[in-house]
């Protein structure tokens, strides 16, 4: 199964575009990350089409104790033109990462990689994306929910 994922990723890199349900995607690998309050978010890959943006990211809990990420409904994706991209929320697990949708609870030193999809507003043509993942909750004395804002993500196609 892992070999199939690597081969698929290689094909996407070689072709420069992927296809999902007949929709062409351009793929960007920005290598952007941010750390806040003992958690880190790493953006691994962004697949962009005229209708949606799929962001593959790794969530990491760098400290002892549990951290819970609840990215759907509260995370914000915008672009350099102030367009807002709303998360695509469906219980069709072929298109929605079920763990991201229901919440990712990570023990200390654990990580999870998954994909969130956002609907692209009509006519959007982003050159830069801004992403904040929130809320994140720590299960200790610092139980106030917080967000993790990533640095600007250049979309160079």
C-alpha atoms as a PDB file:
ATOM      1  CA  UNK A   1       0.000   0.000   0.000  1.00  0.00           C
ATOM      2  CA  UNK A   2       2.828   2.424   0.888  1.00  0.00           C
ATOM      3  CA  UNK A   3       4.577   1.740  -2.454  1.00  0.00           C
ATOM      4  CA  UNK A   4       1.371   2.648  -4.290  1.00  0.00           C
ATOM      5  CA  UNK A   5       1.256   6.033  -2.493  1.00  0.00           C
ATOM      6  CA  UNK A   6       4.890   6.757  -3.351  1.00  0.00           C
ATOM      7  CA  UNK A   7       4.347   5.841  -7.015  1.00  0.00           C
ATOM      8  CA  UNK A   8       1.226   8.011  -7.176  1.00  0.00           C
ATOM      9  CA  UNK A   9       3.097  10.958  -5.642  1.00  0.00           C
ATOM     10  CA  UNK A  10       5.946  10.448  -8.108  1.00  0.00           C
ATOM     11  CA  UNK A  11       3.530  10.462 -11.045  1.00  0.00           C
ATOM     12  CA  UNK A  12       1.985  13.709  -9.774  1.00  0.00           C
ATOM     13  CA  UNK A  13       5.412  15.325  -9.489  1.00  0.00           C
ATOM     14  CA  UNK A  14       6.449  14.222 -12.961  1.00  0.00           C
ATOM     15  CA  UNK A  15       3.258  15.353 -14.630  1.00  0.00           C
ATOM     16  CA  UNK A  16       2.828  18.550 -12.611  1.00  0.00           C
ATOM     17  CA  UNK A  17      -0.925  17.963 -12.356  1.00  0.00           C
ATOM     18  CA  UNK A  18      -3.122  15.313 -10.811  1.00  0.00           C
ATOM     19  CA  UNK A  19      -6.668  14.303 -11.561  1.00  0.00           C
ATOM     20  CA  UNK A  20      -9.456  13.619  -9.075  1.00  0.00           C
ATOM     21  CA  UNK A  21     -12.883  12.955 -10.517  1.00  0.00           C
ATOM     22  CA  UNK A  22     -11.946  14.581 -13.823  1.00  0.00           C
ATOM     23  CA  UNK A  23     -10.657  17.760 -12.150  1.00  0.00           C
ATOM     24  CA  UNK A  24      -7.084  18.864 -12.950  1.00  0.00           C
ATOM     25  CA  UNK A  25      -4.851  19.775 -10.005  1.00  0.00           C
ATOM     26  CA  UNK A  26      -1.602  21.695  -9.858  1.00  0.00           C
ATOM     27  CA  UNK A  27       0.630  20.522  -7.036  1.00  0.00           C
ATOM     28  CA  UNK A  28       2.845  22.683  -4.813  1.00  0.00           C
ATOM     29  CA  UNK A  29       5.210  21.375  -2.101  1.00  0.00           C
ATOM     30  CA  UNK A  30       5.905  24.436   0.054  1.00  0.00           C
ATOM     31  CA  UNK A  31       7.718  22.885   3.040  1.00  0.00           C
ATOM     32  CA  UNK A  32       6.140  25.418   5.434  1.00  0.00           C
ATOM     33  CA  UNK A  33       5.711  24.752   9.158  1.00  0.00           C
ATOM     34  CA  UNK A  34       4.806  26.507  12.405  1.00  0.00           C
ATOM     35  CA  UNK A  35       5.151  25.612  16.082  1.00  0.00           C
ATOM     36  CA  UNK A  36       2.961  26.945  18.867  1.00  0.00           C
ATOM     37  CA  UNK A  37       2.429  25.809  22.472  1.00  0.00           C
ATOM     38  CA  UNK A  38       4.182  22.466  21.925  1.00  0.00           C
ATOM     39  CA  UNK A  39       2.487  21.453  18.665  1.00  0.00           C
ATOM     40  CA  UNK A  40       3.788  21.712  15.119  1.00  0.00           C
ATOM     41  CA  UNK A  41       1.972  21.789  11.794  1.00  0.00           C
ATOM     42  CA  UNK A  42       3.898  21.000   8.614  1.00  0.00           C
ATOM     43  CA  UNK A  43       2.313  21.635   5.207  1.00  0.00           C
ATOM     44  CA  UNK A  44       3.502  18.781   2.985  1.00  0.00           C
ATOM     45  CA  UNK A  45       1.575  19.342  -0.225  1.00  0.00           C
ATOM     46  CA  UNK A  46      -1.076  21.611  -1.719  1.00  0.00           C
ATOM     47  CA  UNK A  47      -3.185  20.452  -4.664  1.00  0.00           C
ATOM     48  CA  UNK A  48      -4.996  23.330  -6.377  1.00  0.00           C
ATOM     49  CA  UNK A  49      -7.884  23.149  -8.849  1.00  0.00           C
ATOM     50  CA  UNK A  50     -10.377  25.746 -10.032  1.00  0.00           C
ATOM     51  CA  UNK A  51     -12.893  24.424  -7.482  1.00  0.00           C
ATOM     52  CA  UNK A  52     -10.893  23.394  -4.432  1.00  0.00           C
ATOM     53  CA  UNK A  53      -7.597  23.348  -2.577  1.00  0.00           C
ATOM     54  CA  UNK A  54      -6.488  20.141  -0.841  1.00  0.00           C
ATOM     55  CA  UNK A  55      -3.810  20.664   1.804  1.00  0.00           C
ATOM     56  CA  UNK A  56      -1.891  17.658   3.098  1.00  0.00           C
ATOM     57  CA  UNK A  57      -0.340  18.411   6.467  1.00  0.00           C
ATOM     58  CA  UNK A  58       1.288  16.680   9.397  1.00  0.00           C
ATOM     59  CA  UNK A  59       0.080  17.488  12.908  1.00  0.00           C
ATOM     60  CA  UNK A  60       2.647  16.837  15.661  1.00  0.00           C
ATOM     61  CA  UNK A  61       2.428  16.938  19.447  1.00  0.00           C
ATOM     62  CA  UNK A  62       5.957  17.715  20.626  1.00  0.00           C
ATOM     63  CA  UNK A  63       5.285  17.683  24.382  1.00  0.00           C
ATOM     64  CA  UNK A  64       4.152  15.062  26.910  1.00  0.00           C
ATOM     65  CA  UNK A  65       0.417  14.815  27.439  1.00  0.00           C
ATOM     66  CA  UNK A  66      -2.342  14.865  24.873  1.00  0.00           C
ATOM     67  CA  UNK A  67      -3.215  17.532  22.320  1.00  0.00           C
ATOM     68  CA  UNK A  68      -6.442  17.491  20.308  1.00  0.00           C
ATOM     69  CA  UNK A  69      -6.730  19.186  16.913  1.00  0.00           C
ATOM     70  CA  UNK A  70     -10.237  20.117  15.706  1.00  0.00           C
ATOM     71  CA  UNK A  71      -9.488  21.722  12.323  1.00  0.00           C
ATOM     72  CA  UNK A  72     -12.936  21.625  10.707  1.00  0.00           C
ATOM     73  CA  UNK A  73     -15.284  24.621  11.166  1.00  0.00           C
ATOM     74  CA  UNK A  74     -12.673  26.902  12.768  1.00  0.00           C
ATOM     75  CA  UNK A  75      -9.547  26.747  10.597  1.00  0.00           C
ATOM     76  CA  UNK A  76      -9.133  29.691   8.247  1.00  0.00           C
ATOM     77  CA  UNK A  77      -7.598  29.659   4.756  1.00  0.00           C
ATOM     78  CA  UNK A  78      -7.316  32.972   2.907  1.00  0.00           C
ATOM     79  CA  UNK A  79      -5.232  34.249   0.016  1.00  0.00           C
ATOM     80  CA  UNK A  80      -3.312  37.397  -0.884  1.00  0.00           C
ATOM     81  CA  UNK A  81      -6.509  38.906  -2.361  1.00  0.00           C
ATOM     82  CA  UNK A  82      -8.485  38.404   0.881  1.00  0.00           C
ATOM     83  CA  UNK A  83     -10.577  35.566  -0.572  1.00  0.00           C
ATOM     84  CA  UNK A  84     -11.830  33.149   2.078  1.00  0.00           C
ATOM     85  CA  UNK A  85     -11.727  29.413   1.376  1.00  0.00           C
ATOM     86  CA  UNK A  86     -14.301  27.437   3.393  1.00  0.00           C
ATOM     87  CA  UNK A  87     -13.557  23.859   4.437  1.00  0.00           C
ATOM     88  CA  UNK A  88     -15.483  21.255   2.455  1.00  0.00           C
ATOM     89  CA  UNK A  89     -17.447  19.294   5.016  1.00  0.00           C
ATOM     90  CA  UNK A  90     -18.932  15.993   3.978  1.00  0.00           C
ATOM     91  CA  UNK A  91     -19.175  12.623   5.646  1.00  0.00           C
ATOM     92  CA  UNK A  92     -18.140  10.965   2.410  1.00  0.00           C
ATOM     93  CA  UNK A  93     -14.826   9.620   3.721  1.00  0.00           C
ATOM     94  CA  UNK A  94     -13.488   9.186   0.167  1.00  0.00           C
ATOM     95  CA  UNK A  95     -13.170  12.992   0.004  1.00  0.00           C
ATOM     96  CA  UNK A  96     -12.880  13.997   3.660  1.00  0.00           C
ATOM     97  CA  UNK A  97     -10.172  12.801   6.030  1.00  0.00           C
ATOM     98  CA  UNK A  98     -12.312  11.245   8.767  1.00  0.00           C
ATOM     99  CA  UNK A  99      -9.796  11.872  11.575  1.00  0.00           C
ATOM    100  CA  UNK A 100      -9.414  15.543  10.630  1.00  0.00           C
ATOM    101  CA  UNK A 101     -13.195  15.864  10.435  1.00  0.00           C
ATOM    102  CA  UNK A 102     -13.862  14.203  13.817  1.00  0.00           C
ATOM    103  CA  UNK A 103     -10.723  15.529  15.548  1.00  0.00           C
ATOM    104  CA  UNK A 104      -7.183  14.242  15.927  1.00  0.00           C
ATOM    105  CA  UNK A 105      -6.085  13.387  19.479  1.00  0.00           C
ATOM    106  CA  UNK A 106      -2.337  12.888  19.727  1.00  0.00           C
ATOM    107  CA  UNK A 107      -0.260  11.594  22.622  1.00  0.00           C
ATOM    108  CA  UNK A 108       3.104  13.191  23.373  1.00  0.00           C
ATOM    109  CA  UNK A 109       5.645  12.813  20.545  1.00  0.00           C
ATOM    110  CA  UNK A 110       2.963  11.498  18.154  1.00  0.00           C
ATOM    111  CA  UNK A 111       1.988  12.752  14.718  1.00  0.00           C
ATOM    112  CA  UNK A 112      -0.709  12.305  12.107  1.00  0.00           C
ATOM    113  CA  UNK A 113      -0.688  13.215   8.408  1.00  0.00           C
ATOM    114  CA  UNK A 114      -3.959  13.906   6.620  1.00  0.00           C
ATOM    115  CA  UNK A 115      -5.646  16.155   4.083  1.00  0.00           C
ATOM    116  CA  UNK A 116      -8.154  18.986   4.427  1.00  0.00           C
ATOM    117  CA  UNK A 117     -10.107  20.278   1.437  1.00  0.00           C
ATOM    118  CA  UNK A 118     -11.261  23.858   0.984  1.00  0.00           C
ATOM    119  CA  UNK A 119     -13.690  25.223  -1.619  1.00  0.00           C
ATOM    120  CA  UNK A 120     -12.097  27.831  -3.886  1.00  0.00           C
ATOM    121  CA  UNK A 121     -14.160  30.993  -4.359  1.00  0.00           C
ATOM    122  CA  UNK A 122     -15.118  31.757  -7.976  1.00  0.00           C
ATOM    123  CA  UNK A 123     -12.356  33.507  -9.875  1.00  0.00           C
ATOM    124  CA  UNK A 124      -9.723  32.957  -7.200  1.00  0.00           C
ATOM    125  CA  UNK A 125      -6.174  32.950  -8.486  1.00  0.00           C
ATOM    126  CA  UNK A 126      -4.034  32.889  -5.357  1.00  0.00           C
ATOM    127  CA  UNK A 127      -0.360  33.745  -5.412  1.00  0.00           C
ATOM    128  CA  UNK A 128      -0.064  33.277  -1.664  1.00  0.00           C
ATOM    129  CA  UNK A 129      -2.110  31.385   0.933  1.00  0.00           C
ATOM    130  CA  UNK A 130      -2.506  32.051   4.658  1.00  0.00           C
ATOM    131  CA  UNK A 131      -3.583  29.150   6.891  1.00  0.00           C
ATOM    132  CA  UNK A 132      -4.434  29.038  10.584  1.00  0.00           C
ATOM    133  CA  UNK A 133      -5.361  25.689  12.116  1.00  0.00           C
ATOM    134  CA  UNK A 134      -7.573  25.961  15.173  1.00  0.00           C
ATOM    135  CA  UNK A 135      -8.677  25.085  17.715  1.00  0.00           C
ATOM    136  CA  UNK A 136      -6.004  22.992  19.368  1.00  0.00           C
ATOM    137  CA  UNK A 137      -6.572  21.892  22.962  1.00  0.00           C
ATOM    138  CA  UNK A 138      -3.967  20.629  25.414  1.00  0.00           C
ATOM    139  CA  UNK A 139      -5.148  18.295  28.155  1.00  0.00           C
ATOM    140  CA  UNK A 140      -3.328  19.952  31.048  1.00  0.00           C
ATOM    141  CA  UNK A 141      -3.277  23.246  32.917  1.00  0.00           C
ATOM    142  CA  UNK A 142      -2.933  25.149  29.619  1.00  0.00           C
ATOM    143  CA  UNK A 143      -6.387  24.056  28.481  1.00  0.00           C
ATOM    144  CA  UNK A 144      -7.254  27.324  26.732  1.00  0.00           C
ATOM    145  CA  UNK A 145      -7.868  26.583  23.029  1.00  0.00           C
ATOM    146  CA  UNK A 146      -5.329  28.119  20.659  1.00  0.00           C
ATOM    147  CA  UNK A 147      -4.559  28.284  16.958  1.00  0.00           C
ATOM    148  CA  UNK A 148      -1.421  27.732  14.928  1.00  0.00           C
ATOM    149  CA  UNK A 149      -0.875  30.326  12.174  1.00  0.00           C
ATOM    150  CA  UNK A 150       1.472  29.203   9.440  1.00  0.00           C
ATOM    151  CA  UNK A 151       3.729  31.637   7.588  1.00  0.00           C
ATOM    152  CA  UNK A 152       2.602  32.791   4.165  1.00  0.00           C
ATOM    153  CA  UNK A 153       2.598  29.948   1.653  1.00  0.00           C
ATOM    154  CA  UNK A 154       3.721  31.001  -1.827  1.00  0.00           C
ATOM    155  CA  UNK A 155       1.744  29.324  -4.606  1.00  0.00           C
ATOM    156  CA  UNK A 156       4.243  29.167  -7.428  1.00  0.00           C
ATOM    157  CA  UNK A 157       2.921  27.021 -10.263  1.00  0.00           C
END
